[in-house]
C-alpha atoms as a PDB file:
ATOM      1  CA  UNK A   1      84.792-137.885   5.146  1.00  0.00           C
ATOM      2  CA  UNK A   2      82.723-140.749   7.318  1.00  0.00           C
ATOM      3  CA  UNK A   3      79.594-141.356   5.760  1.00  0.00           C
ATOM      4  CA  UNK A   4      77.893-139.619   8.175  1.00  0.00           C
ATOM      5  CA  UNK A   5      79.600-136.273   7.390  1.00  0.00           C
ATOM      6  CA  UNK A   6      78.374-136.615   4.152  1.00  0.00           C
ATOM      7  CA  UNK A   7      74.738-137.580   4.458  1.00  0.00           C
ATOM      8  CA  UNK A   8      75.002-133.809   6.517  1.00  0.00           C
ATOM      9  CA  UNK A   9      76.399-131.991   3.633  1.00  0.00           C
ATOM     10  CA  UNK A  10      74.278-133.913   1.162  1.00  0.00           C
ATOM     11  CA  UNK A  11      71.512-132.395   2.700  1.00  0.00           C
ATOM     12  CA  UNK A  12      73.023-128.627   3.874  1.00  0.00           C
ATOM     13  CA  UNK A  13      74.118-128.294  -0.020  1.00  0.00           C
ATOM     14  CA  UNK A  14      70.465-129.111  -1.330  1.00  0.00           C
ATOM     15  CA  UNK A  15      68.613-126.723   1.623  1.00  0.00           C
ATOM     16  CA  UNK A  16      70.715-124.112   0.652  1.00  0.00           C
ATOM     17  CA  UNK A  17      69.678-125.251  -3.374  1.00  0.00           C
ATOM     18  CA  UNK A  18      65.993-125.309  -2.107  1.00  0.00           C
ATOM     19  CA  UNK A  19      66.218-122.160  -0.627  1.00  0.00           C
ATOM     20  CA  UNK A  20      66.478-119.960  -4.164  1.00  0.00           C
ATOM     21  CA  UNK A  21      63.314-121.121  -5.673  1.00  0.00           C
ATOM     22  CA  UNK A  22      61.151-120.414  -1.785  1.00  0.00           C
ATOM     23  CA  UNK A  23      57.839-118.977  -2.143  1.00  0.00           C
ATOM     24  CA  UNK A  24      58.194-117.769  -5.781  1.00  0.00           C
ATOM     25  CA  UNK A  25      55.321-119.306  -8.318  1.00  0.00           C
ATOM     26  CA  UNK A  26      54.743-121.131 -10.966  1.00  0.00           C
ATOM     27  CA  UNK A  27      55.140-118.758 -13.776  1.00  0.00           C
ATOM     28  CA  UNK A  28      58.551-117.178 -12.231  1.00  0.00           C
ATOM     29  CA  UNK A  29      59.903-120.718 -11.374  1.00  0.00           C
ATOM     30  CA  UNK A  30      58.969-121.251 -15.396  1.00  0.00           C
ATOM     31  CA  UNK A  31      60.588-117.883 -16.743  1.00  0.00           C
ATOM     32  CA  UNK A  32      63.403-117.584 -18.766  1.00  0.00           C
ATOM     33  CA  UNK A  33      66.103-114.421 -18.011  1.00  0.00           C
ATOM     34  CA  UNK A  34      66.703-115.080 -21.791  1.00  0.00           C
ATOM     35  CA  UNK A  35      65.555-117.900 -24.659  1.00  0.00           C
ATOM     36  CA  UNK A  36      68.959-119.921 -24.484  1.00  0.00           C
ATOM     37  CA  UNK A  37      68.892-119.631 -20.678  1.00  0.00           C
ATOM     38  CA  UNK A  38      67.651-122.508 -18.370  1.00  0.00           C
ATOM     39  CA  UNK A  39      64.475-120.785 -15.687  1.00  0.00           C
ATOM     40  CA  UNK A  40      64.648-121.677 -11.853  1.00  0.00           C
ATOM     41  CA  UNK A  41      62.824-125.005 -12.625  1.00  0.00           C
ATOM     42  CA  UNK A  42      64.217-126.457 -15.632  1.00  0.00           C
ATOM     43  CA  UNK A  43      67.338-126.151 -13.434  1.00  0.00           C
ATOM     44  CA  UNK A  44      65.835-127.755 -10.365  1.00  0.00           C
ATOM     45  CA  UNK A  45      64.308-130.538 -12.890  1.00  0.00           C
ATOM     46  CA  UNK A  46      67.684-131.175 -13.725  1.00  0.00           C
ATOM     47  CA  UNK A  47      68.947-132.454 -10.848  1.00  0.00           C
ATOM     48  CA  UNK A  48      65.928-135.112 -10.314  1.00  0.00           C
ATOM     49  CA  UNK A  49      67.710-137.274 -13.708  1.00  0.00           C
ATOM     50  CA  UNK A  50      71.204-135.689 -14.649  1.00  0.00           C
ATOM     51  CA  UNK A  51      72.393-135.282 -10.762  1.00  0.00           C
ATOM     52  CA  UNK A  52      70.575-137.126  -8.324  1.00  0.00           C
ATOM     53  CA  UNK A  53      69.951-140.635 -10.442  1.00  0.00           C
ATOM     54  CA  UNK A  54      73.305-139.918 -12.408  1.00  0.00           C
ATOM     55  CA  UNK A  55      75.883-139.814 -10.216  1.00  0.00           C
ATOM     56  CA  UNK A  56      73.521-142.287  -7.985  1.00  0.00           C
ATOM     57  CA  UNK A  57      74.143-144.891 -10.711  1.00  0.00           C
ATOM     58  CA  UNK A  58      77.743-144.448 -11.443  1.00  0.00           C
ATOM     59  CA  UNK A  59      78.819-144.293  -7.523  1.00  0.00           C
ATOM     60  CA  UNK A  60      76.913-148.074  -7.789  1.00  0.00           C
ATOM     61  CA  UNK A  61      78.964-148.967 -10.971  1.00  0.00           C
ATOM     62  CA  UNK A  62      82.386-147.653  -9.659  1.00  0.00           C
ATOM     63  CA  UNK A  63      80.868-149.590  -6.347  1.00  0.00           C
ATOM     64  CA  UNK A  64      80.383-153.205  -7.753  1.00  0.00           C
ATOM     65  CA  UNK A  65      83.223-152.586 -11.188  1.00  0.00           C
ATOM     66  CA  UNK A  66      86.674-151.020 -10.381  1.00  0.00           C
ATOM     67  CA  UNK A  67      87.044-150.991 -14.222  1.00  0.00           C
ATOM     68  CA  UNK A  68      83.865-148.984 -14.932  1.00  0.00           C
ATOM     69  CA  UNK A  69      84.895-145.690 -16.182  1.00  0.00           C
ATOM     70  CA  UNK A  70      82.349-142.730 -14.834  1.00  0.00           C
ATOM     71  CA  UNK A  71      79.875-141.256 -17.233  1.00  0.00           C
ATOM     72  CA  UNK A  72      79.284-137.108 -17.294  1.00  0.00           C
ATOM     73  CA  UNK A  73      75.957-136.118 -18.274  1.00  0.00           C
ATOM     74  CA  UNK A  74      75.033-133.957 -21.449  1.00  0.00           C
ATOM     75  CA  UNK A  75      73.435-130.789 -20.513  1.00  0.00           C
ATOM     76  CA  UNK A  76      72.311-130.785 -24.255  1.00  0.00           C
ATOM     77  CA  UNK A  77      70.421-133.940 -24.121  1.00  0.00           C
ATOM     78  CA  UNK A  78      68.935-133.607 -21.526  1.00  0.00           C
ATOM     79  CA  UNK A  79      67.067-130.270 -22.969  1.00  0.00           C
ATOM     80  CA  UNK A  80      66.651-132.299 -25.884  1.00  0.00           C
ATOM     81  CA  UNK A  81      64.732-135.462 -23.406  1.00  0.00           C
ATOM     82  CA  UNK A  82      63.084-132.721 -21.190  1.00  0.00           C
ATOM     83  CA  UNK A  83      61.160-131.038 -23.861  1.00  0.00           C
ATOM     84  CA  UNK A  84      57.478-132.113 -21.092  1.00  0.00           C
ATOM     85  CA  UNK A  85      58.519-129.329 -19.086  1.00  0.00           C
ATOM     86  CA  UNK A  86      57.064-126.632 -19.379  1.00  0.00           C
ATOM     87  CA  UNK A  87      53.965-128.236 -19.067  1.00  0.00           C
ATOM     88  CA  UNK A  88      54.597-130.925 -15.753  1.00  0.00           C
ATOM     89  CA  UNK A  89      53.365-129.052 -12.911  1.00  0.00           C
ATOM     90  CA  UNK A  90      55.656-126.969 -10.525  1.00  0.00           C
ATOM     91  CA  UNK A  91      54.778-129.527  -7.930  1.00  0.00           C
ATOM     92  CA  UNK A  92      55.220-132.632  -8.982  1.00  0.00           C
ATOM     93  CA  UNK A  93      58.577-131.420  -9.851  1.00  0.00           C
ATOM     94  CA  UNK A  94      59.432-130.000  -6.826  1.00  0.00           C
ATOM     95  CA  UNK A  95      58.027-133.489  -5.014  1.00  0.00           C
ATOM     96  CA  UNK A  96      60.403-135.297  -7.616  1.00  0.00           C
ATOM     97  CA  UNK A  97      63.526-133.673  -6.413  1.00  0.00           C
ATOM     98  CA  UNK A  98      62.406-134.418  -3.143  1.00  0.00           C
ATOM     99  CA  UNK A  99      62.243-137.695  -3.635  1.00  0.00           C
ATOM    100  CA  UNK A 100      65.366-137.875  -5.613  1.00  0.00           C
ATOM    101  CA  UNK A 101      67.192-136.555  -2.962  1.00  0.00           C
ATOM    102  CA  UNK A 102      65.833-139.174  -0.359  1.00  0.00           C
ATOM    103  CA  UNK A 103      66.910-141.837  -2.246  1.00  0.00           C
ATOM    104  CA  UNK A 104      70.723-140.688  -2.814  1.00  0.00           C
ATOM    105  CA  UNK A 105      70.659-140.134   1.034  1.00  0.00           C
ATOM    106  CA  UNK A 106      69.119-144.000   1.498  1.00  0.00           C
ATOM    107  CA  UNK A 107      71.579-145.264  -0.872  1.00  0.00           C
ATOM    108  CA  UNK A 108      74.765-143.266   1.700  1.00  0.00           C
ATOM    109  CA  UNK A 109      73.273-144.312   4.381  1.00  0.00           C
ATOM    110  CA  UNK A 110      73.878-147.918   3.921  1.00  0.00           C
ATOM    111  CA  UNK A 111      77.809-148.124   2.041  1.00  0.00           C
ATOM    112  CA  UNK A 112      80.550-148.834   4.720  1.00  0.00           C
ATOM    113  CA  UNK A 113      83.224-146.930   4.230  1.00  0.00           C
ATOM    114  CA  UNK A 114      85.181-149.709   2.274  1.00  0.00           C
ATOM    115  CA  UNK A 115      82.991-148.797  -0.585  1.00  0.00           C
ATOM    116  CA  UNK A 116      82.906-145.303  -0.472  1.00  0.00           C
ATOM    117  CA  UNK A 117      87.069-145.794  -1.151  1.00  0.00           C
ATOM    118  CA  UNK A 118      85.892-148.280  -4.083  1.00  0.00           C
ATOM    119  CA  UNK A 119      87.880-146.633  -7.074  1.00  0.00           C
ATOM    120  CA  UNK A 120      86.893-147.002 -11.078  1.00  0.00           C
ATOM    121  CA  UNK A 121      88.332-144.558 -14.015  1.00  0.00           C
ATOM    122  CA  UNK A 122      86.887-141.044 -14.257  1.00  0.00           C
ATOM    123  CA  UNK A 123      88.082-139.929 -18.240  1.00  0.00           C
ATOM    124  CA  UNK A 124      90.056-137.140 -17.189  1.00  0.00           C
ATOM    125  CA  UNK A 125      90.973-137.529 -13.620  1.00  0.00           C
ATOM    126  CA  UNK A 126      92.514-141.348 -13.476  1.00  0.00           C
ATOM    127  CA  UNK A 127      90.816-142.895 -10.688  1.00  0.00           C
ATOM    128  CA  UNK A 128      87.928-142.077  -8.943  1.00  0.00           C
ATOM    129  CA  UNK A 129      86.685-143.502  -5.768  1.00  0.00           C
ATOM    130  CA  UNK A 130      83.065-143.790  -5.155  1.00  0.00           C
ATOM    131  CA  UNK A 131      83.128-140.860  -2.096  1.00  0.00           C
ATOM    132  CA  UNK A 132      84.279-138.357  -5.173  1.00  0.00           C
ATOM    133  CA  UNK A 133      81.267-139.090  -7.569  1.00  0.00           C
ATOM    134  CA  UNK A 134      78.898-138.708  -4.060  1.00  0.00           C
ATOM    135  CA  UNK A 135      81.330-135.412  -3.325  1.00  0.00           C
ATOM    136  CA  UNK A 136      79.895-133.981  -6.571  1.00  0.00           C
ATOM    137  CA  UNK A 137      76.167-133.810  -5.684  1.00  0.00           C
ATOM    138  CA  UNK A 138      77.167-130.989  -2.809  1.00  0.00           C
ATOM    139  CA  UNK A 139      78.900-129.417  -5.334  1.00  0.00           C
ATOM    140  CA  UNK A 140      76.780-129.451  -7.944  1.00  0.00           C
ATOM    141  CA  UNK A 141      73.861-128.068  -5.666  1.00  0.00           C
ATOM    142  CA  UNK A 142      75.755-125.348  -4.536  1.00  0.00           C
ATOM    143  CA  UNK A 143      76.639-124.510  -8.460  1.00  0.00           C
ATOM    144  CA  UNK A 144      73.079-124.440  -8.931  1.00  0.00           C
ATOM    145  CA  UNK A 145      72.028-122.368  -6.030  1.00  0.00           C
ATOM    146  CA  UNK A 146      74.158-119.378  -7.213  1.00  0.00           C
ATOM    147  CA  UNK A 147      72.996-119.637 -10.625  1.00  0.00           C
ATOM    148  CA  UNK A 148      69.539-119.628  -9.643  1.00  0.00           C
ATOM    149  CA  UNK A 149      70.328-116.792  -7.723  1.00  0.00           C
ATOM    150  CA  UNK A 150      71.934-115.034 -10.550  1.00  0.00           C
ATOM    151  CA  UNK A 151      68.372-115.759 -12.847  1.00  0.00           C
ATOM    152  CA  UNK A 152      66.517-114.279  -9.457  1.00  0.00           C
ATOM    153  CA  UNK A 153      68.407-111.225  -9.835  1.00  0.00           C
ATOM    154  CA  UNK A 154      68.119-110.806 -13.602  1.00  0.00           C
ATOM    155  CA  UNK A 155      64.612-111.283 -13.389  1.00  0.00           C
ATOM    156  CA  UNK A 156      64.469-108.122 -10.864  1.00  0.00           C
ATOM    157  CA  UNK A 157      63.471-110.804  -7.623  1.00  0.00           C
ATOM    158  CA  UNK A 158      66.383-109.760  -5.200  1.00  0.00           C
ATOM    159  CA  UNK A 159      66.196-111.307  -1.508  1.00  0.00           C
END
């Protein structure tokens, strides 16, 4: 997959994710289906730091250092570190999410085929290329689109 195709896939998956929350009021976006589960806005906010910037930084680290070991993120730590989410304006979260995605797309657009093929180390999979890291984005976005669809359904908001 070339950088152009990768960018198209990144955009398509993100659109799929965002469509799941379109037109919903802030109060619904913040509602959790259960106290120990994430709300739709928490799922979306998680993409800013733990997906977009985390994966992009890991891709850069692998590109620049073949000895770099890919670092997975910790969802529980993220929840503990983002206790301010209930007070943050939903529009700010959505704007930050769009900006983080633009940053990813801009970085991918500048990567050469050689850079995409550079490999570092994944702790469970061995050799792990920059392209492998970047392909995590669409898979992750689509997984969370399904999660948001499930939250909608559990809240009685069927499409």
